[in-house]
Amino acid sequence: MKENKGYRAVSVMPALKEGHPVADVTLVKGTEWKTVSEKLD
């Protein structure tokens, strides 16, 4: 959230990318939506 000021997390889904666990986080700010991946290991 620090890198995406003003955005609010509305969904988190676990995933694997290149064999590593990540969390795909959907963020919203007004009518703007985006998804970011956060490493979990």
PDB file of N, CA and C in Angstrom:
ATOM      1  N   MET A   1       0.815  -1.181   0.000  1.00  0.00           N
ATOM      2  CA  MET A   1       0.000   0.000   0.000  1.00  0.00           C
ATOM      3  C   MET A   1       0.868   1.258   0.000  1.00  0.00           C
ATOM      4  N   LYS A   2       2.065   1.155   0.540  1.00  0.00           N
ATOM      5  CA  LYS A   2       2.940   2.333   0.588  1.00  0.00           C
ATOM      6  C   LYS A   2       3.268   2.860  -0.807  1.00  0.00           C
ATOM      7  N   GLU A   3       3.454   1.943  -1.776  1.00  0.00           N
ATOM      8  CA  GLU A   3       3.785   2.373  -3.129  1.00  0.00           C
ATOM      9  C   GLU A   3       2.568   2.849  -3.908  1.00  0.00           C
ATOM     10  N   ASN A   4       1.373   2.624  -3.369  1.00  0.00           N
ATOM     11  CA  ASN A   4       0.139   2.959  -4.073  1.00  0.00           C
ATOM     12  C   ASN A   4      -0.761   3.820  -3.200  1.00  0.00           C
ATOM     13  N   LYS A   5      -0.262   4.979  -2.826  1.00  0.00           N
ATOM     14  CA  LYS A   5      -1.005   5.875  -1.936  1.00  0.00           C
ATOM     15  C   LYS A   5      -2.345   6.264  -2.547  1.00  0.00           C
ATOM     16  N   GLY A   6      -3.372   6.274  -1.698  1.00  0.00           N
ATOM     17  CA  GLY A   6      -4.703   6.640  -2.146  1.00  0.00           C
ATOM     18  C   GLY A   6      -5.519   5.462  -2.644  1.00  0.00           C
ATOM     19  N   TYR A   7      -4.874   4.314  -2.861  1.00  0.00           N
ATOM     20  CA  TYR A   7      -5.578   3.123  -3.317  1.00  0.00           C
ATOM     21  C   TYR A   7      -6.039   2.298  -2.122  1.00  0.00           C
ATOM     22  N   ARG A   8      -7.089   1.548  -2.330  1.00  0.00           N
ATOM     23  CA  ARG A   8      -7.631   0.670  -1.291  1.00  0.00           C
ATOM     24  C   ARG A   8      -7.632  -0.759  -1.831  1.00  0.00           C
ATOM     25  N   ALA A   9      -7.153  -1.704  -1.029  1.00  0.00           N
ATOM     26  CA  ALA A   9      -7.142  -3.111  -1.430  1.00  0.00           C
ATOM     27  C   ALA A   9      -8.563  -3.657  -1.333  1.00  0.00           C
ATOM     28  N   VAL A  10      -9.040  -4.262  -2.429  1.00  0.00           N
ATOM     29  CA  VAL A  10     -10.400  -4.807  -2.440  1.00  0.00           C
ATOM     30  C   VAL A  10     -10.426  -6.315  -2.661  1.00  0.00           C
ATOM     31  N   SER A  11      -9.282  -6.894  -3.045  1.00  0.00           N
ATOM     32  CA  SER A  11      -9.226  -8.331  -3.272  1.00  0.00           C
ATOM     33  C   SER A  11      -7.781  -8.801  -3.197  1.00  0.00           C
ATOM     34  N   VAL A  12      -7.584  -9.996  -2.629  1.00  0.00           N
ATOM     35  CA  VAL A  12      -6.260 -10.618  -2.594  1.00  0.00           C
ATOM     36  C   VAL A  12      -6.433 -12.081  -2.981  1.00  0.00           C
ATOM     37  N   MET A  13      -5.662 -12.514  -3.971  1.00  0.00           N
ATOM     38  CA  MET A  13      -5.719 -13.901  -4.435  1.00  0.00           C
ATOM     39  C   MET A  13      -4.316 -14.493  -4.408  1.00  0.00           C
ATOM     40  N   PRO A  14      -4.162 -15.691  -3.830  1.00  0.00           N
ATOM     41  CA  PRO A  14      -2.846 -16.345  -3.850  1.00  0.00           C
ATOM     42  C   PRO A  14      -2.543 -16.861  -5.257  1.00  0.00           C
ATOM     43  N   ALA A  15      -1.262 -16.879  -5.601  1.00  0.00           N
ATOM     44  CA  ALA A  15      -0.848 -17.370  -6.916  1.00  0.00           C
ATOM     45  C   ALA A  15       0.594 -17.838  -6.847  1.00  0.00           C
ATOM     46  N   LEU A  16       1.018 -18.541  -7.902  1.00  0.00           N
ATOM     47  CA  LEU A  16       2.410 -18.949  -8.057  1.00  0.00           C
ATOM     48  C   LEU A  16       2.940 -18.297  -9.318  1.00  0.00           C
ATOM     49  N   LYS A  17       4.084 -17.655  -9.214  1.00  0.00           N
ATOM     50  CA  LYS A  17       4.746 -17.081 -10.382  1.00  0.00           C
ATOM     51  C   LYS A  17       6.183 -17.559 -10.375  1.00  0.00           C
ATOM     52  N   GLU A  18       6.541 -18.261 -11.446  1.00  0.00           N
ATOM     53  CA  GLU A  18       7.884 -18.827 -11.575  1.00  0.00           C
ATOM     54  C   GLU A  18       8.240 -19.689 -10.363  1.00  0.00           C
ATOM     55  N   GLY A  19       7.255 -20.419  -9.840  1.00  0.00           N
ATOM     56  CA  GLY A  19       7.480 -21.327  -8.728  1.00  0.00           C
ATOM     57  C   GLY A  19       7.525 -20.663  -7.358  1.00  0.00           C
ATOM     58  N   HIS A  20       7.250 -19.371  -7.279  1.00  0.00           N
ATOM     59  CA  HIS A  20       7.281 -18.647  -6.009  1.00  0.00           C
ATOM     60  C   HIS A  20       5.887 -18.153  -5.644  1.00  0.00           C
ATOM     61  N   PRO A  21       5.537 -18.213  -4.355  1.00  0.00           N
ATOM     62  CA  PRO A  21       4.210 -17.747  -3.940  1.00  0.00           C
ATOM     63  C   PRO A  21       4.122 -16.221  -3.982  1.00  0.00           C
ATOM     64  N   VAL A  22       3.012 -15.732  -4.507  1.00  0.00           N
ATOM     65  CA  VAL A  22       2.741 -14.291  -4.545  1.00  0.00           C
ATOM     66  C   VAL A  22       1.286 -14.055  -4.172  1.00  0.00           C
ATOM     67  N   ALA A  23       0.982 -12.824  -3.832  1.00  0.00           N
ATOM     68  CA  ALA A  23      -0.393 -12.407  -3.609  1.00  0.00           C
ATOM     69  C   ALA A  23      -0.717 -11.375  -4.676  1.00  0.00           C
ATOM     70  N   ASP A  24      -1.729 -11.665  -5.493  1.00  0.00           N
ATOM     71  CA  ASP A  24      -2.193 -10.696  -6.485  1.00  0.00           C
ATOM     72  C   ASP A  24      -3.247  -9.825  -5.799  1.00  0.00           C
ATOM     73  N   VAL A  25      -2.934  -8.544  -5.637  1.00  0.00           N
ATOM     74  CA  VAL A  25      -3.780  -7.618  -4.891  1.00  0.00           C
ATOM     75  C   VAL A  25      -4.461  -6.665  -5.866  1.00  0.00           C
ATOM     76  N   THR A  26      -5.794  -6.627  -5.822  1.00  0.00           N
ATOM     77  CA  THR A  26      -6.549  -5.687  -6.645  1.00  0.00           C
ATOM     78  C   THR A  26      -6.779  -4.426  -5.832  1.00  0.00           C
ATOM     79  N   LEU A  27      -6.399  -3.277  -6.433  1.00  0.00           N
ATOM     80  CA  LEU A  27      -6.502  -1.985  -5.763  1.00  0.00           C
ATOM     81  C   LEU A  27      -7.486  -1.098  -6.510  1.00  0.00           C
ATOM     82  N   VAL A  28      -8.164  -0.222  -5.758  1.00  0.00           N
ATOM     83  CA  VAL A  28      -9.101   0.716  -6.374  1.00  0.00           C
ATOM     84  C   VAL A  28      -8.895   2.105  -5.782  1.00  0.00           C
ATOM     85  N   LYS A  29      -9.053   3.112  -6.652  1.00  0.00           N
ATOM     86  CA  LYS A  29      -8.971   4.514  -6.238  1.00  0.00           C
ATOM     87  C   LYS A  29      -9.982   5.252  -7.102  1.00  0.00           C
ATOM     88  N   GLY A  30     -11.130   5.577  -6.522  1.00  0.00           N
ATOM     89  CA  GLY A  30     -12.203   6.179  -7.313  1.00  0.00           C
ATOM     90  C   GLY A  30     -12.699   5.196  -8.343  1.00  0.00           C
ATOM     91  N   THR A  31     -12.551   5.528  -9.624  1.00  0.00           N
ATOM     92  CA  THR A  31     -12.969   4.617 -10.696  1.00  0.00           C
ATOM     93  C   THR A  31     -11.768   3.900 -11.319  1.00  0.00           C
ATOM     94  N   GLU A  32     -10.576   4.109 -10.773  1.00  0.00           N
ATOM     95  CA  GLU A  32      -9.343   3.509 -11.267  1.00  0.00           C
ATOM     96  C   GLU A  32      -9.089   2.186 -10.552  1.00  0.00           C
ATOM     97  N   TRP A  33      -8.813   1.112 -11.308  1.00  0.00           N
ATOM     98  CA  TRP A  33      -8.512  -0.206 -10.759  1.00  0.00           C
ATOM     99  C   TRP A  33      -7.164  -0.664 -11.275  1.00  0.00           C
ATOM    100  N   LYS A  34      -6.409  -1.393 -10.440  1.00  0.00           N
ATOM    101  CA  LYS A  34      -5.176  -2.035 -10.916  1.00  0.00           C
ATOM    102  C   LYS A  34      -4.870  -3.224 -10.021  1.00  0.00           C
ATOM    103  N   THR A  35      -4.066  -4.141 -10.564  1.00  0.00           N
ATOM    104  CA  THR A  35      -3.650  -5.322  -9.811  1.00  0.00           C
ATOM    105  C   THR A  35      -2.137  -5.325  -9.708  1.00  0.00           C
ATOM    106  N   VAL A  36      -1.636  -5.573  -8.498  1.00  0.00           N
ATOM    107  CA  VAL A  36      -0.195  -5.661  -8.271  1.00  0.00           C
ATOM    108  C   VAL A  36       0.109  -7.014  -7.628  1.00  0.00           C
ATOM    109  N   SER A  37       1.323  -7.498  -7.807  1.00  0.00           N
ATOM    110  CA  SER A  37       1.754  -8.757  -7.207  1.00  0.00           C
ATOM    111  C   SER A  37       2.765  -8.462  -6.118  1.00  0.00           C
ATOM    112  N   GLU A  38       2.572  -9.106  -4.980  1.00  0.00           N
ATOM    113  CA  GLU A  38       3.500  -8.979  -3.852  1.00  0.00           C
ATOM    114  C   GLU A  38       4.108 -10.343  -3.565  1.00  0.00           C
ATOM    115  N   LYS A  39       5.440 -10.408  -3.489  1.00  0.00           N
ATOM    116  CA  LYS A  39       6.120 -11.671  -3.170  1.00  0.00           C
ATOM    117  C   LYS A  39       5.822 -12.077  -1.744  1.00  0.00           C
ATOM    118  N   LEU A  40       5.667 -13.388  -1.523  1.00  0.00           N
ATOM    119  CA  LEU A  40       5.382 -13.895  -0.187  1.00  0.00           C
ATOM    120  C   LEU A  40       6.542 -14.680   0.416  1.00  0.00           C
ATOM    121  N   ASP A  41       7.635 -14.818  -0.330  1.00  0.00           N
ATOM    122  CA  ASP A  41       8.784 -15.543   0.246  1.00  0.00           C
ATOM    123  C   ASP A  41      10.010 -14.675   0.334  1.00  0.00           C
TER     124      ASP A  41
END
